[in-house]
PDB file of all heavy atoms in Angstrom:
ATOM      1  N   MET A   1       2.779   3.017  10.666  1.00  0.00           N
ATOM      2  CA  MET A   1       2.598   3.870   9.497  1.00  0.00           C
ATOM      3  C   MET A   1       3.915   4.086   8.762  1.00  0.00           C
ATOM      4  O   MET A   1       3.961   4.106   7.523  1.00  0.00           O
ATOM      5  CB  MET A   1       1.997   5.209   9.905  1.00  0.00           C
ATOM      6  CG  MET A   1       0.500   5.187  10.147  1.00  0.00           C
ATOM      7  SD  MET A   1      -0.461   4.961   8.629  1.00  0.00           S
ATOM      8  CE  MET A   1      -0.179   6.529   7.803  1.00  0.00           C
ATOM      9  N   ALA A   2       5.000   4.230   9.527  1.00  0.00           N
ATOM     10  CA  ALA A   2       6.317   4.406   8.914  1.00  0.00           C
ATOM     11  C   ALA A   2       6.710   3.167   8.117  1.00  0.00           C
ATOM     12  O   ALA A   2       7.229   3.271   6.987  1.00  0.00           O
ATOM     13  CB  ALA A   2       7.362   4.700   9.987  1.00  0.00           C
ATOM     14  N   ALA A   3       6.444   1.985   8.682  1.00  0.00           N
ATOM     15  CA  ALA A   3       6.763   0.740   7.974  1.00  0.00           C
ATOM     16  C   ALA A   3       5.939   0.615   6.693  1.00  0.00           C
ATOM     17  O   ALA A   3       6.453   0.219   5.637  1.00  0.00           O
ATOM     18  CB  ALA A   3       6.509  -0.458   8.894  1.00  0.00           C
ATOM     19  N   LEU A   4       4.653   0.961   6.786  1.00  0.00           N
ATOM     20  CA  LEU A   4       3.799   0.883   5.603  1.00  0.00           C
ATOM     21  C   LEU A   4       4.223   1.891   4.542  1.00  0.00           C
ATOM     22  O   LEU A   4       4.283   1.568   3.350  1.00  0.00           O
ATOM     23  CB  LEU A   4       2.340   1.123   6.010  1.00  0.00           C
ATOM     24  CG  LEU A   4       1.304   1.091   4.878  1.00  0.00           C
ATOM     25  CD1 LEU A   4       1.316  -0.254   4.162  1.00  0.00           C
ATOM     26  CD2 LEU A   4      -0.091   1.395   5.424  1.00  0.00           C
ATOM     27  N   SER A   5       4.538   3.103   4.957  1.00  0.00           N
ATOM     28  CA  SER A   5       4.957   4.137   4.005  1.00  0.00           C
ATOM     29  C   SER A   5       6.230   3.733   3.271  1.00  0.00           C
ATOM     30  O   SER A   5       6.344   3.918   2.047  1.00  0.00           O
ATOM     31  CB  SER A   5       5.174   5.470   4.730  1.00  0.00           C
ATOM     32  OG  SER A   5       3.971   5.944   5.298  1.00  0.00           O
ATOM     33  N   GLN A   6       7.182   3.167   3.995  1.00  0.00           N
ATOM     34  CA  GLN A   6       8.421   2.722   3.368  1.00  0.00           C
ATOM     35  C   GLN A   6       8.155   1.637   2.335  1.00  0.00           C
ATOM     36  O   GLN A   6       8.731   1.633   1.243  1.00  0.00           O
ATOM     37  CB  GLN A   6       9.394   2.221   4.435  1.00  0.00           C
ATOM     38  CG  GLN A   6       9.954   3.319   5.325  1.00  0.00           C
ATOM     39  CD  GLN A   6      10.828   2.769   6.429  1.00  0.00           C
ATOM     40  OE1 GLN A   6      11.185   1.588   6.457  1.00  0.00           O
ATOM     41  NE2 GLN A   6      11.178   3.629   7.381  1.00  0.00           N
ATOM     42  N   ASP A   7       7.265   0.697   2.673  1.00  0.00           N
ATOM     43  CA  ASP A   7       6.944  -0.377   1.726  1.00  0.00           C
ATOM     44  C   ASP A   7       6.229   0.178   0.499  1.00  0.00           C
ATOM     45  O   ASP A   7       6.498  -0.261  -0.629  1.00  0.00           O
ATOM     46  CB  ASP A   7       6.068  -1.427   2.411  1.00  0.00           C
ATOM     47  CG  ASP A   7       5.713  -2.576   1.479  1.00  0.00           C
ATOM     48  OD1 ASP A   7       6.609  -3.394   1.188  1.00  0.00           O
ATOM     49  OD2 ASP A   7       4.550  -2.647   1.037  1.00  0.00           O
ATOM     50  N   LEU A   8       5.321   1.137   0.699  1.00  0.00           N
ATOM     51  CA  LEU A   8       4.595   1.725  -0.427  1.00  0.00           C
ATOM     52  C   LEU A   8       5.535   2.496  -1.348  1.00  0.00           C
ATOM     53  O   LEU A   8       5.408   2.438  -2.577  1.00  0.00           O
ATOM     54  CB  LEU A   8       3.488   2.641   0.090  1.00  0.00           C
ATOM     55  CG  LEU A   8       2.348   1.963   0.856  1.00  0.00           C
ATOM     56  CD1 LEU A   8       1.376   3.009   1.386  1.00  0.00           C
ATOM     57  CD2 LEU A   8       1.630   0.951  -0.007  1.00  0.00           C
ATOM     58  N   LEU A   9       6.486   3.215  -0.765  1.00  0.00           N
ATOM     59  CA  LEU A   9       7.459   3.945  -1.579  1.00  0.00           C
ATOM     60  C   LEU A   9       8.326   2.977  -2.384  1.00  0.00           C
ATOM     61  O   LEU A   9       8.620   3.222  -3.558  1.00  0.00           O
ATOM     62  CB  LEU A   9       8.331   4.829  -0.688  1.00  0.00           C
ATOM     63  CG  LEU A   9       7.657   6.093  -0.135  1.00  0.00           C
ATOM     64  CD1 LEU A   9       8.538   6.729   0.943  1.00  0.00           C
ATOM     65  CD2 LEU A   9       7.380   7.094  -1.258  1.00  0.00           C
ATOM     66  N   ALA A  10       8.729   1.881  -1.748  1.00  0.00           N
ATOM     67  CA  ALA A  10       9.544   0.880  -2.444  1.00  0.00           C
ATOM     68  C   ALA A  10       8.758   0.234  -3.584  1.00  0.00           C
ATOM     69  O   ALA A  10       9.275   0.039  -4.690  1.00  0.00           O
ATOM     70  CB  ALA A  10      10.017  -0.185  -1.457  1.00  0.00           C
ATOM     71  N   ALA A  11       7.484  -0.080  -3.320  1.00  0.00           N
ATOM     72  CA  ALA A  11       6.652  -0.676  -4.362  1.00  0.00           C
ATOM     73  C   ALA A  11       6.458   0.291  -5.519  1.00  0.00           C
ATOM     74  O   ALA A  11       6.524  -0.090  -6.698  1.00  0.00           O
ATOM     75  CB  ALA A  11       5.296  -1.090  -3.781  1.00  0.00           C
ATOM     76  N   GLY A  12       6.223   1.573  -5.196  1.00  0.00           N
ATOM     77  CA  GLY A  12       6.048   2.567  -6.238  1.00  0.00           C
ATOM     78  C   GLY A  12       7.284   2.749  -7.099  1.00  0.00           C
ATOM     79  O   GLY A  12       7.181   2.927  -8.318  1.00  0.00           O
ATOM     80  N   SER A  13       8.455   2.688  -6.472  1.00  0.00           N
ATOM     81  CA  SER A  13       9.700   2.835  -7.231  1.00  0.00           C
ATOM     82  C   SER A  13       9.921   1.670  -8.187  1.00  0.00           C
ATOM     83  O   SER A  13      10.654   1.797  -9.175  1.00  0.00           O
ATOM     84  CB  SER A  13      10.887   2.945  -6.267  1.00  0.00           C
ATOM     85  OG  SER A  13      11.084   1.723  -5.563  1.00  0.00           O
ATOM     86  N   GLU A  14       9.283   0.539  -7.919  1.00  0.00           N
ATOM     87  CA  GLU A  14       9.379  -0.626  -8.793  1.00  0.00           C
ATOM     88  C   GLU A  14       8.230  -0.697  -9.791  1.00  0.00           C
ATOM     89  O   GLU A  14       8.077  -1.676 -10.519  1.00  0.00           O
ATOM     90  CB  GLU A  14       9.391  -1.909  -7.950  1.00  0.00           C
ATOM     91  CG  GLU A  14      10.587  -2.017  -7.018  1.00  0.00           C
ATOM     92  CD  GLU A  14      10.484  -3.215  -6.073  1.00  0.00           C
ATOM     93  OE1 GLU A  14       9.484  -3.971  -6.181  1.00  0.00           O
ATOM     94  OE2 GLU A  14      11.401  -3.402  -5.256  1.00  0.00           O
ATOM     95  N   GLY A  15       7.409   0.351  -9.822  1.00  0.00           N
ATOM     96  CA  GLY A  15       6.289   0.386 -10.748  1.00  0.00           C
ATOM     97  C   GLY A  15       5.108  -0.459 -10.321  1.00  0.00           C
ATOM     98  O   GLY A  15       4.242  -0.781 -11.147  1.00  0.00           O
ATOM     99  N   LYS A  16       5.024  -0.788  -9.042  1.00  0.00           N
ATOM    100  CA  LYS A  16       3.935  -1.615  -8.543  1.00  0.00           C
ATOM    101  C   LYS A  16       2.850  -0.765  -7.885  1.00  0.00           C
ATOM    102  O   LYS A  16       3.118   0.331  -7.393  1.00  0.00           O
ATOM    103  CB  LYS A  16       4.461  -2.644  -7.546  1.00  0.00           C
ATOM    104  CG  LYS A  16       5.424  -3.661  -8.160  1.00  0.00           C
ATOM    105  CD  LYS A  16       5.912  -4.655  -7.117  1.00  0.00           C
ATOM    106  CE  LYS A  16       6.854  -5.671  -7.733  1.00  0.00           C
ATOM    107  NZ  LYS A  16       7.362  -6.648  -6.726  1.00  0.00           N
ATOM    108  N   THR A  17       1.657  -1.287  -7.868  1.00  0.00           N
ATOM    109  CA  THR A  17       0.515  -0.647  -7.221  1.00  0.00           C
ATOM    110  C   THR A  17       0.078  -1.504  -6.042  1.00  0.00           C
ATOM    111  O   THR A  17       0.032  -2.727  -6.141  1.00  0.00           O
ATOM    112  CB  THR A  17      -0.662  -0.499  -8.207  1.00  0.00           C
ATOM    113  OG1 THR A  17      -0.252   0.343  -9.289  1.00  0.00           O
ATOM    114  CG2 THR A  17      -1.883   0.107  -7.525  1.00  0.00           C
ATOM    115  N   VAL A  18      -0.252  -0.864  -4.929  1.00  0.00           N
ATOM    116  CA  VAL A  18      -0.712  -1.582  -3.736  1.00  0.00           C
ATOM    117  C   VAL A  18      -2.177  -1.257  -3.509  1.00  0.00           C
ATOM    118  O   VAL A  18      -2.573  -0.091  -3.448  1.00  0.00           O
ATOM    119  CB  VAL A  18       0.123  -1.207  -2.496  1.00  0.00           C
ATOM    120  CG1 VAL A  18      -0.392  -1.971  -1.269  1.00  0.00           C
ATOM    121  CG2 VAL A  18       1.603  -1.528  -2.735  1.00  0.00           C
ATOM    122  N   LEU A  19      -2.984  -2.321  -3.390  1.00  0.00           N
ATOM    123  CA  LEU A  19      -4.425  -2.184  -3.222  1.00  0.00           C
ATOM    124  C   LEU A  19      -4.858  -2.800  -1.892  1.00  0.00           C
ATOM    125  O   LEU A  19      -4.461  -3.914  -1.554  1.00  0.00           O
ATOM    126  CB  LEU A  19      -5.156  -2.901  -4.367  1.00  0.00           C
ATOM    127  CG  LEU A  19      -6.660  -3.137  -4.205  1.00  0.00           C
ATOM    128  CD1 LEU A  19      -7.420  -1.817  -4.248  1.00  0.00           C
ATOM    129  CD2 LEU A  19      -7.175  -4.090  -5.283  1.00  0.00           C
ATOM    130  N   VAL A  20      -5.696  -2.072  -1.151  1.00  0.00           N
ATOM    131  CA  VAL A  20      -6.303  -2.593   0.076  1.00  0.00           C
ATOM    132  C   VAL A  20      -7.816  -2.613  -0.116  1.00  0.00           C
ATOM    133  O   VAL A  20      -8.414  -1.598  -0.467  1.00  0.00           O
ATOM    134  CB  VAL A  20      -5.945  -1.731   1.304  1.00  0.00           C
ATOM    135  CG1 VAL A  20      -6.748  -2.171   2.525  1.00  0.00           C
ATOM    136  CG2 VAL A  20      -4.453  -1.828   1.598  1.00  0.00           C
ATOM    137  N   ILE A  21      -8.426  -3.785   0.097  1.00  0.00           N
ATOM    138  CA  ILE A  21      -9.871  -3.935   0.015  1.00  0.00           C
ATOM    139  C   ILE A  21     -10.413  -4.173   1.419  1.00  0.00           C
ATOM    140  O   ILE A  21      -9.927  -5.058   2.129  1.00  0.00           O
ATOM    141  CB  ILE A  21     -10.272  -5.108  -0.897  1.00  0.00           C
ATOM    142  CG1 ILE A  21      -9.750  -4.891  -2.315  1.00  0.00           C
ATOM    143  CG2 ILE A  21     -11.789  -5.284  -0.916  1.00  0.00           C
ATOM    144  CD1 ILE A  21     -10.020  -6.053  -3.258  1.00  0.00           C
ATOM    145  N   VAL A  22     -11.394  -3.386   1.835  1.00  0.00           N
ATOM    146  CA  VAL A  22     -12.024  -3.550   3.146  1.00  0.00           C
ATOM    147  C   VAL A  22     -13.475  -3.955   2.916  1.00  0.00           C
ATOM    148  O   VAL A  22     -14.269  -3.177   2.374  1.00  0.00           O
ATOM    149  CB  VAL A  22     -11.959  -2.261   3.981  1.00  0.00           C
ATOM    150  CG1 VAL A  22     -12.575  -2.504   5.363  1.00  0.00           C
ATOM    151  CG2 VAL A  22     -10.517  -1.775   4.122  1.00  0.00           C
ATOM    152  N   ASP A  23     -13.826  -5.180   3.323  1.00  0.00           N
ATOM    153  CA  ASP A  23     -15.198  -5.666   3.148  1.00  0.00           C
ATOM    154  C   ASP A  23     -16.070  -5.248   4.338  1.00  0.00           C
ATOM    155  O   ASP A  23     -15.570  -5.044   5.442  1.00  0.00           O
ATOM    156  CB  ASP A  23     -15.191  -7.188   3.009  1.00  0.00           C
ATOM    157  CG  ASP A  23     -16.438  -7.714   2.322  1.00  0.00           C
ATOM    158  OD1 ASP A  23     -17.253  -6.887   1.856  1.00  0.00           O
ATOM    159  OD2 ASP A  23     -16.613  -8.947   2.238  1.00  0.00           O
ATOM    160  N   GLU A  24     -17.371  -5.137   4.095  1.00  0.00           N
ATOM    161  CA  GLU A  24     -18.341  -4.712   5.118  1.00  0.00           C
ATOM    162  C   GLU A  24     -17.922  -3.388   5.763  1.00  0.00           C
ATOM    163  O   GLU A  24     -18.038  -3.177   6.972  1.00  0.00           O
ATOM    164  CB  GLU A  24     -18.508  -5.792   6.190  1.00  0.00           C
ATOM    165  CG  GLU A  24     -19.033  -7.115   5.676  1.00  0.00           C
ATOM    166  CD  GLU A  24     -20.456  -7.021   5.128  1.00  0.00           C
ATOM    167  OE1 GLU A  24     -21.165  -6.062   5.484  1.00  0.00           O
ATOM    168  OE2 GLU A  24     -20.856  -7.901   4.350  1.00  0.00           O
ATOM    169  N   ALA A  25     -17.451  -2.478   4.927  1.00  0.00           N
ATOM    170  CA  ALA A  25     -16.862  -1.232   5.431  1.00  0.00           C
ATOM    171  C   ALA A  25     -17.881  -0.320   6.103  1.00  0.00           C
ATOM    172  O   ALA A  25     -17.490   0.595   6.847  1.00  0.00           O
ATOM    173  CB  ALA A  25     -16.165  -0.489   4.290  1.00  0.00           C
ATOM    174  N   GLN A  26     -19.173  -0.549   5.869  1.00  0.00           N
ATOM    175  CA  GLN A  26     -20.178   0.298   6.522  1.00  0.00           C
ATOM    176  C   GLN A  26     -20.191   0.094   8.033  1.00  0.00           C
ATOM    177  O   GLN A  26     -20.755   0.907   8.775  1.00  0.00           O
ATOM    178  CB  GLN A  26     -21.576   0.031   5.942  1.00  0.00           C
ATOM    179  CG  GLN A  26     -22.292  -1.196   6.463  1.00  0.00           C
ATOM    180  CD  GLN A  26     -21.807  -2.489   5.823  1.00  0.00           C
ATOM    181  OE1 GLN A  26     -21.043  -2.441   4.857  1.00  0.00           O
ATOM    182  NE2 GLN A  26     -22.254  -3.626   6.324  1.00  0.00           N
TER     183      GLN A  26
END
């Protein structure tokens, strides 16, 4: 979670959006 949070913060600071799609989520 720490690794993911750091990457998301870095992406956000660069104006990027991160999207996760989960198929068959039911």
